[in-house]
Amino acid sequence: SIFTSGSTGVPKGVVMSHRGMMDFSQWLGETFKFTDADVLGNQAPYYFDGAMKDICAAVVHGVTLQIIPRKCFSFPKLLISLLNEKRVTMLLWATSAVTLVANSGVFDLFKPQFIRCVAFGGESMPIKQLNVWRRVLAKDVRYINLYGPTETAVDATFYEVDREFNENESVPIGKACQTHYLSHSRQKSSFPDLYHWRSGGICHAARRHCPRRAGVDVAMDFGTR
């Protein structure tokens, strides 16, 4: 089982299927184009759902996994120094960590030199902080927004940033990961707006549209993003 952070609710443990994780691992490799030359900077603890991407990349695709000490996120200069020393090429971080670094002002003094991809998820990515990263890093760096309930084997949709965003816009959740699709419930229910996330024919989660709950209402725009 893996655990959610509780940032938008109550922390909980979720039992994952091996099949769902295998599908997710395959999709990760195809989308992020991992090679054995990549070094991934691990931000999330191993019991947290966000770490599943790091573990899959290392075990299945041969990526070098560099564990980043927690204290580095309290001292951004140490963080950037470590990323450069270890030649880290990929970051699959929680949005809060990406935002923290952007707000720290460390990029005025130090810049990551080897990053080729920054992926973020867990909550909505603020455009202001995203643009800070895009101004600092090389023009060919990929930025990928990941979204999904933990029950869907961590992530269910992705969007690769391919244009400039104004600060009054939101980063879309994009399209379904290759192993997922979104379907409307045809079962009799007191909730006519119930949607299911499915992976490999297995229904992993059901989400009801609820504007007051962060993130859930975004899923209702799935077909138009």
C-alpha atoms as a PDB file:
ATOM      1  CA  SER A   1       0.000   0.000   0.000  1.00  0.00           C
ATOM      2  CA  ILE A   2       1.059   3.622  -0.516  1.00  0.00           C
ATOM      3  CA  PHE A   3      -0.001   6.765   1.289  1.00  0.00           C
ATOM      4  CA  THR A   4      -1.339  10.169   0.354  1.00  0.00           C
ATOM      5  CA  SER A   5      -0.038  13.362   1.933  1.00  0.00           C
ATOM      6  CA  GLY A   6      -3.408  14.636   3.104  1.00  0.00           C
ATOM      7  CA  SER A   7      -2.699  18.086   1.665  1.00  0.00           C
ATOM      8  CA  THR A   8      -6.284  18.332   0.384  1.00  0.00           C
ATOM      9  CA  GLY A   9      -7.956  15.961   2.838  1.00  0.00           C
ATOM     10  CA  VAL A  10      -7.279  13.220   5.353  1.00  0.00           C
ATOM     11  CA  PRO A  11      -4.112  11.116   4.786  1.00  0.00           C
ATOM     12  CA  LYS A  12      -4.919   7.532   3.885  1.00  0.00           C
ATOM     13  CA  GLY A  13      -3.278   4.303   2.824  1.00  0.00           C
ATOM     14  CA  VAL A  14      -4.272   2.887  -0.571  1.00  0.00           C
ATOM     15  CA  VAL A  15      -3.738  -0.728  -1.601  1.00  0.00           C
ATOM     16  CA  MET A  16      -2.336  -0.835  -5.141  1.00  0.00           C
ATOM     17  CA  SER A  17      -2.574  -3.662  -7.659  1.00  0.00           C
ATOM     18  CA  HIS A  18       0.607  -5.062  -9.210  1.00  0.00           C
ATOM     19  CA  ARG A  19      -1.036  -4.849 -12.622  1.00  0.00           C
ATOM     20  CA  GLY A  20      -1.766  -1.152 -12.230  1.00  0.00           C
ATOM     21  CA  MET A  21       1.820  -0.406 -11.229  1.00  0.00           C
ATOM     22  CA  MET A  22       3.184  -2.457 -14.140  1.00  0.00           C
ATOM     23  CA  ASP A  23       1.032  -0.514 -16.593  1.00  0.00           C
ATOM     24  CA  PHE A  24       2.072   2.760 -15.007  1.00  0.00           C
ATOM     25  CA  SER A  25       5.759   1.822 -15.143  1.00  0.00           C
ATOM     26  CA  GLN A  26       5.540   1.062 -18.852  1.00  0.00           C
ATOM     27  CA  TRP A  27       3.809   4.370 -19.531  1.00  0.00           C
ATOM     28  CA  LEU A  28       6.426   6.283 -17.544  1.00  0.00           C
ATOM     29  CA  GLY A  29       9.237   4.871 -19.645  1.00  0.00           C
ATOM     30  CA  GLU A  30       7.516   5.638 -22.943  1.00  0.00           C
ATOM     31  CA  THR A  31       6.535   9.184 -21.937  1.00  0.00           C
ATOM     32  CA  PHE A  32       9.648  10.350 -20.121  1.00  0.00           C
ATOM     33  CA  LYS A  33      12.068   8.452 -22.381  1.00  0.00           C
ATOM     34  CA  PHE A  34      14.299   7.310 -19.539  1.00  0.00           C
ATOM     35  CA  THR A  35      17.836   6.136 -20.312  1.00  0.00           C
ATOM     36  CA  ASP A  36      20.533   4.623 -18.132  1.00  0.00           C
ATOM     37  CA  ALA A  37      22.314   7.978 -18.362  1.00  0.00           C
ATOM     38  CA  ASP A  38      19.525   9.738 -16.468  1.00  0.00           C
ATOM     39  CA  VAL A  39      19.821  10.693 -12.809  1.00  0.00           C
ATOM     40  CA  LEU A  40      16.532  11.282 -11.015  1.00  0.00           C
ATOM     41  CA  GLY A  41      16.442  13.491  -7.920  1.00  0.00           C
ATOM     42  CA  ASN A  42      14.148  11.833  -5.381  1.00  0.00           C
ATOM     43  CA  GLN A  43      12.108  14.328  -3.342  1.00  0.00           C
ATOM     44  CA  ALA A  44       9.261  12.230  -1.905  1.00  0.00           C
ATOM     45  CA  PRO A  45       9.690   9.683   0.920  1.00  0.00           C
ATOM     46  CA  TYR A  46       9.243   6.075  -0.190  1.00  0.00           C
ATOM     47  CA  TYR A  47       5.956   5.542   1.669  1.00  0.00           C
ATOM     48  CA  PHE A  48       4.359   8.473  -0.182  1.00  0.00           C
ATOM     49  CA  ASP A  49       2.558   7.921  -3.493  1.00  0.00           C
ATOM     50  CA  GLY A  50       4.731  10.482  -5.270  1.00  0.00           C
ATOM     51  CA  ALA A  51       7.791   8.269  -4.802  1.00  0.00           C
ATOM     52  CA  MET A  52       6.279   5.512  -6.947  1.00  0.00           C
ATOM     53  CA  LYS A  53       7.450   7.274 -10.107  1.00  0.00           C
ATOM     54  CA  ASP A  54      11.010   7.430  -8.786  1.00  0.00           C
ATOM     55  CA  ILE A  55      11.039   3.779  -7.758  1.00  0.00           C
ATOM     56  CA  CYS A  56       9.593   2.615 -11.088  1.00  0.00           C
ATOM     57  CA  ALA A  57      12.138   4.648 -13.037  1.00  0.00           C
ATOM     58  CA  ALA A  58      15.025   3.121 -11.100  1.00  0.00           C
ATOM     59  CA  VAL A  59      13.880  -0.493 -10.874  1.00  0.00           C
ATOM     60  CA  VAL A  60      12.230  -0.903 -14.286  1.00  0.00           C
ATOM     61  CA  HIS A  61      14.143   1.512 -16.504  1.00  0.00           C
ATOM     62  CA  GLY A  62      17.636   1.604 -15.000  1.00  0.00           C
ATOM     63  CA  VAL A  63      17.647   5.268 -14.021  1.00  0.00           C
ATOM     64  CA  THR A  64      20.060   6.277 -11.260  1.00  0.00           C
ATOM     65  CA  LEU A  65      18.055   7.378  -8.219  1.00  0.00           C
ATOM     66  CA  GLN A  66      19.679  10.152  -6.191  1.00  0.00           C
ATOM     67  CA  ILE A  67      18.094  10.543  -2.758  1.00  0.00           C
ATOM     68  CA  ILE A  68      17.934  14.215  -1.791  1.00  0.00           C
ATOM     69  CA  PRO A  69      18.252  14.841   1.978  1.00  0.00           C
ATOM     70  CA  ARG A  70      15.213  16.656   3.381  1.00  0.00           C
ATOM     71  CA  LYS A  71      17.387  19.449   4.781  1.00  0.00           C
ATOM     72  CA  CYS A  72      18.256  20.504   1.227  1.00  0.00           C
ATOM     73  CA  PHE A  73      14.731  21.800   0.761  1.00  0.00           C
ATOM     74  CA  SER A  74      15.264  24.071   3.755  1.00  0.00           C
ATOM     75  CA  PHE A  75      18.534  25.322   2.255  1.00  0.00           C
ATOM     76  CA  PRO A  76      17.957  25.768  -1.507  1.00  0.00           C
ATOM     77  CA  LYS A  77      21.626  26.597  -2.154  1.00  0.00           C
ATOM     78  CA  LEU A  78      22.534  23.125  -0.911  1.00  0.00           C
ATOM     79  CA  LEU A  79      19.785  21.685  -3.090  1.00  0.00           C
ATOM     80  CA  ILE A  80      21.022  23.242  -6.325  1.00  0.00           C
ATOM     81  CA  SER A  81      24.611  22.379  -5.447  1.00  0.00           C
ATOM     82  CA  LEU A  82      23.616  18.728  -4.958  1.00  0.00           C
ATOM     83  CA  LEU A  83      21.638  18.628  -8.219  1.00  0.00           C
ATOM     84  CA  ASN A  84      24.681  19.885 -10.096  1.00  0.00           C
ATOM     85  CA  GLU A  85      27.219  17.734  -8.233  1.00  0.00           C
ATOM     86  CA  LYS A  86      25.231  14.561  -8.948  1.00  0.00           C
ATOM     87  CA  ARG A  87      24.339  15.711 -12.480  1.00  0.00           C
ATOM     88  CA  VAL A  88      20.619  15.230 -11.876  1.00  0.00           C
ATOM     89  CA  THR A  89      18.678  15.247 -15.155  1.00  0.00           C
ATOM     90  CA  MET A  90      15.081  14.648 -14.053  1.00  0.00           C
ATOM     91  CA  LEU A  91      12.802  15.949 -11.302  1.00  0.00           C
ATOM     92  CA  LEU A  92       9.458  14.244 -10.606  1.00  0.00           C
ATOM     93  CA  TRP A  93       8.428  16.345  -7.635  1.00  0.00           C
ATOM     94  CA  ALA A  94       5.372  17.444  -5.730  1.00  0.00           C
ATOM     95  CA  THR A  95       4.144  20.838  -6.898  1.00  0.00           C
ATOM     96  CA  SER A  96       4.846  22.270  -3.443  1.00  0.00           C
ATOM     97  CA  ALA A  97       8.563  21.433  -3.771  1.00  0.00           C
ATOM     98  CA  VAL A  98       8.831  22.990  -7.240  1.00  0.00           C
ATOM     99  CA  THR A  99       7.056  26.092  -5.944  1.00  0.00           C
ATOM    100  CA  LEU A 100       9.243  26.314  -2.842  1.00  0.00           C
ATOM    101  CA  VAL A 101      12.431  26.428  -4.920  1.00  0.00           C
ATOM    102  CA  ALA A 102      10.981  29.034  -7.292  1.00  0.00           C
ATOM    103  CA  ASN A 103       9.993  31.262  -4.352  1.00  0.00           C
ATOM    104  CA  SER A 104      13.339  30.954  -2.587  1.00  0.00           C
ATOM    105  CA  GLY A 105      15.232  33.269  -4.942  1.00  0.00           C
ATOM    106  CA  VAL A 106      18.058  30.747  -5.228  1.00  0.00           C
ATOM    107  CA  PHE A 107      17.981  30.965  -9.022  1.00  0.00           C
ATOM    108  CA  ASP A 108      19.423  34.482  -8.737  1.00  0.00           C
ATOM    109  CA  LEU A 109      22.639  32.856  -7.512  1.00  0.00           C
ATOM    110  CA  PHE A 110      22.675  29.252  -8.720  1.00  0.00           C
ATOM    111  CA  LYS A 111      21.037  27.373 -11.572  1.00  0.00           C
ATOM    112  CA  PRO A 112      20.597  23.644 -12.212  1.00  0.00           C
ATOM    113  CA  GLN A 113      22.874  22.726 -15.115  1.00  0.00           C
ATOM    114  CA  PHE A 114      21.775  19.249 -16.213  1.00  0.00           C
ATOM    115  CA  ILE A 115      17.958  19.142 -15.866  1.00  0.00           C
ATOM    116  CA  ARG A 116      16.115  17.948 -18.984  1.00  0.00           C
ATOM    117  CA  CYS A 117      12.655  17.331 -17.484  1.00  0.00           C
ATOM    118  CA  VAL A 118      10.618  18.753 -14.598  1.00  0.00           C
ATOM    119  CA  ALA A 119       7.372  16.957 -13.740  1.00  0.00           C
ATOM    120  CA  PHE A 120       5.031  18.098 -10.988  1.00  0.00           C
ATOM    121  CA  GLY A 121       1.758  16.946  -9.479  1.00  0.00           C
ATOM    122  CA  GLY A 122      -0.339  16.644  -6.353  1.00  0.00           C
ATOM    123  CA  GLU A 123      -1.929  20.074  -6.618  1.00  0.00           C
ATOM    124  CA  SER A 124      -2.364  22.881  -9.123  1.00  0.00           C
ATOM    125  CA  MET A 125       0.906  24.398 -10.363  1.00  0.00           C
ATOM    126  CA  PRO A 126       0.988  28.206  -9.967  1.00  0.00           C
ATOM    127  CA  ILE A 127       1.878  29.821 -13.295  1.00  0.00           C
ATOM    128  CA  LYS A 128       4.096  32.466 -11.692  1.00  0.00           C
ATOM    129  CA  GLN A 129       6.385  29.838 -10.189  1.00  0.00           C
ATOM    130  CA  LEU A 130       6.302  27.679 -13.326  1.00  0.00           C
ATOM    131  CA  ASN A 131       7.484  30.662 -15.353  1.00  0.00           C
ATOM    132  CA  VAL A 132      10.393  31.195 -12.945  1.00  0.00           C
ATOM    133  CA  TRP A 133      11.675  27.701 -13.776  1.00  0.00           C
ATOM    134  CA  ARG A 134      11.082  28.195 -17.493  1.00  0.00           C
ATOM    135  CA  ARG A 135      13.085  31.427 -17.523  1.00  0.00           C
ATOM    136  CA  VAL A 136      16.028  29.872 -15.704  1.00  0.00           C
ATOM    137  CA  LEU A 137      16.451  26.461 -17.315  1.00  0.00           C
ATOM    138  CA  ALA A 138      17.399  25.655 -20.895  1.00  0.00           C
ATOM    139  CA  LYS A 139      14.752  26.216 -23.571  1.00  0.00           C
ATOM    140  CA  ASP A 140      14.492  22.507 -24.426  1.00  0.00           C
ATOM    141  CA  VAL A 141      13.635  21.362 -20.875  1.00  0.00           C
ATOM    142  CA  ARG A 142      10.307  19.498 -20.695  1.00  0.00           C
ATOM    143  CA  TYR A 143       7.664  20.456 -18.103  1.00  0.00           C
ATOM    144  CA  ILE A 144       4.920  17.928 -17.424  1.00  0.00           C
ATOM    145  CA  ASN A 145       1.837  18.339 -15.241  1.00  0.00           C
ATOM    146  CA  LEU A 146       0.635  15.057 -13.714  1.00  0.00           C
ATOM    147  CA  TYR A 147      -2.814  14.536 -12.221  1.00  0.00           C
ATOM    148  CA  GLY A 148      -4.774  11.681 -10.735  1.00  0.00           C
ATOM    149  CA  PRO A 149      -6.197  10.120  -7.588  1.00  0.00           C
ATOM    150  CA  THR A 150      -3.792   7.834  -5.756  1.00  0.00           C
ATOM    151  CA  GLU A 151      -6.111   4.901  -6.501  1.00  0.00           C
ATOM    152  CA  THR A 152      -5.268   5.146 -10.209  1.00  0.00           C
ATOM    153  CA  ALA A 153      -1.684   4.000  -9.585  1.00  0.00           C
ATOM    154  CA  VAL A 154      -0.560   7.537  -8.708  1.00  0.00           C
ATOM    155  CA  ASP A 155      -1.308   9.459 -11.937  1.00  0.00           C
ATOM    156  CA  ALA A 156      -4.040   9.206 -14.564  1.00  0.00           C
ATOM    157  CA  THR A 157      -3.506  12.231 -16.843  1.00  0.00           C
ATOM    158  CA  PHE A 158      -0.599  14.324 -18.058  1.00  0.00           C
ATOM    159  CA  TYR A 159      -0.041  17.583 -19.890  1.00  0.00           C
ATOM    160  CA  GLU A 160       3.263  18.663 -21.399  1.00  0.00           C
ATOM    161  CA  VAL A 161       3.624  22.429 -21.259  1.00  0.00           C
ATOM    162  CA  ASP A 162       3.990  23.575 -24.851  1.00  0.00           C
ATOM    163  CA  ARG A 163       3.282  27.301 -24.670  1.00  0.00           C
ATOM    164  CA  GLU A 164       3.533  30.378 -22.492  1.00  0.00           C
ATOM    165  CA  PHE A 165       0.854  30.771 -19.819  1.00  0.00           C
ATOM    166  CA  ASN A 166      -0.408  34.007 -18.306  1.00  0.00           C
ATOM    167  CA  GLU A 167      -0.671  34.151 -14.534  1.00  0.00           C
ATOM    168  CA  ASN A 168      -4.469  34.207 -14.698  1.00  0.00           C
ATOM    169  CA  GLU A 169      -4.506  30.837 -16.502  1.00  0.00           C
ATOM    170  CA  SER A 170      -4.317  27.288 -15.175  1.00  0.00           C
ATOM    171  CA  VAL A 171      -2.154  24.446 -16.418  1.00  0.00           C
ATOM    172  CA  PRO A 172      -4.525  21.840 -17.963  1.00  0.00           C
ATOM    173  CA  ILE A 173      -4.607  18.262 -16.712  1.00  0.00           C
ATOM    174  CA  GLY A 174      -4.184  17.203 -20.332  1.00  0.00           C
ATOM    175  CA  LYS A 175      -5.004  13.756 -21.651  1.00  0.00           C
ATOM    176  CA  ALA A 176      -5.191  10.277 -20.190  1.00  0.00           C
ATOM    177  CA  CYS A 177      -2.056   8.295 -19.543  1.00  0.00           C
ATOM    178  CA  GLN A 178      -1.911   5.474 -22.090  1.00  0.00           C
ATOM    179  CA  THR A 179      -3.274   2.913 -19.645  1.00  0.00           C
ATOM    180  CA  HIS A 180      -6.207   5.003 -18.392  1.00  0.00           C
ATOM    181  CA  TYR A 181      -9.513   6.339 -19.586  1.00  0.00           C
ATOM    182  CA  LEU A 182     -12.376   8.276 -18.058  1.00  0.00           C
ATOM    183  CA  SER A 183     -15.927   7.007 -18.290  1.00  0.00           C
ATOM    184  CA  HIS A 184     -19.237   8.296 -17.038  1.00  0.00           C
ATOM    185  CA  SER A 185     -21.118   6.074 -14.635  1.00  0.00           C
ATOM    186  CA  ARG A 186     -24.047   4.254 -16.251  1.00  0.00           C
ATOM    187  CA  GLN A 187     -25.084   2.691 -13.001  1.00  0.00           C
ATOM    188  CA  LYS A 188     -28.134   3.909 -11.147  1.00  0.00           C
ATOM    189  CA  SER A 189     -26.882   6.366  -8.591  1.00  0.00           C
ATOM    190  CA  SER A 190     -27.979   9.345  -6.579  1.00  0.00           C
ATOM    191  CA  PHE A 191     -24.955  11.113  -8.101  1.00  0.00           C
ATOM    192  CA  PRO A 192     -25.541  11.544 -11.864  1.00  0.00           C
ATOM    193  CA  ASP A 193     -22.147  13.230 -12.294  1.00  0.00           C
ATOM    194  CA  LEU A 194     -20.085  10.252 -11.069  1.00  0.00           C
ATOM    195  CA  TYR A 195     -17.014   9.435 -13.174  1.00  0.00           C
ATOM    196  CA  HIS A 196     -14.708   6.427 -13.104  1.00  0.00           C
ATOM    197  CA  TRP A 197     -10.992   6.238 -13.725  1.00  0.00           C
ATOM    198  CA  ARG A 198     -10.143   2.890 -15.306  1.00  0.00           C
ATOM    199  CA  SER A 199      -6.820   1.224 -16.012  1.00  0.00           C
ATOM    200  CA  GLY A 200      -6.355  -2.042 -17.848  1.00  0.00           C
ATOM    201  CA  GLY A 201     -10.051  -2.802 -17.416  1.00  0.00           C
ATOM    202  CA  ILE A 202      -9.822  -2.341 -13.651  1.00  0.00           C
ATOM    203  CA  CYS A 203     -11.851   0.420 -12.037  1.00  0.00           C
ATOM    204  CA  HIS A 204      -9.442   2.040  -9.597  1.00  0.00           C
ATOM    205  CA  ALA A 205     -11.370   5.072  -8.483  1.00  0.00           C
ATOM    206  CA  ALA A 206     -14.633   6.913  -8.710  1.00  0.00           C
ATOM    207  CA  ARG A 207     -14.734  10.680  -8.404  1.00  0.00           C
ATOM    208  CA  ARG A 208     -17.756  12.873  -8.066  1.00  0.00           C
ATOM    209  CA  HIS A 209     -17.722  16.452  -9.356  1.00  0.00           C
ATOM    210  CA  CYS A 210     -17.435  18.719  -6.335  1.00  0.00           C
ATOM    211  CA  PRO A 211     -16.322  22.336  -6.948  1.00  0.00           C
ATOM    212  CA  ARG A 212     -15.387  22.826  -3.307  1.00  0.00           C
ATOM    213  CA  ARG A 213     -12.855  20.033  -3.307  1.00  0.00           C
ATOM    214  CA  ALA A 214      -9.523  20.999  -4.818  1.00  0.00           C
ATOM    215  CA  GLY A 215      -8.696  19.258  -8.060  1.00  0.00           C
ATOM    216  CA  VAL A 216     -11.835  17.160  -8.462  1.00  0.00           C
ATOM    217  CA  ASP A 217     -13.764  19.729 -10.488  1.00  0.00           C
ATOM    218  CA  VAL A 218     -10.890  19.931 -12.976  1.00  0.00           C
ATOM    219  CA  ALA A 219     -11.511  16.341 -13.986  1.00  0.00           C
ATOM    220  CA  MET A 220     -14.853  17.306 -15.441  1.00  0.00           C
ATOM    221  CA  ASP A 221     -13.017  19.249 -18.172  1.00  0.00           C
ATOM    222  CA  PHE A 222     -11.173  16.050 -19.160  1.00  0.00           C
ATOM    223  CA  GLY A 223     -12.655  15.786 -22.639  1.00  0.00           C
ATOM    224  CA  THR A 224     -11.926  19.370 -23.620  1.00  0.00           C
ATOM    225  CA  ARG A 225      -8.326  19.790 -22.472  1.00  0.00           C
END
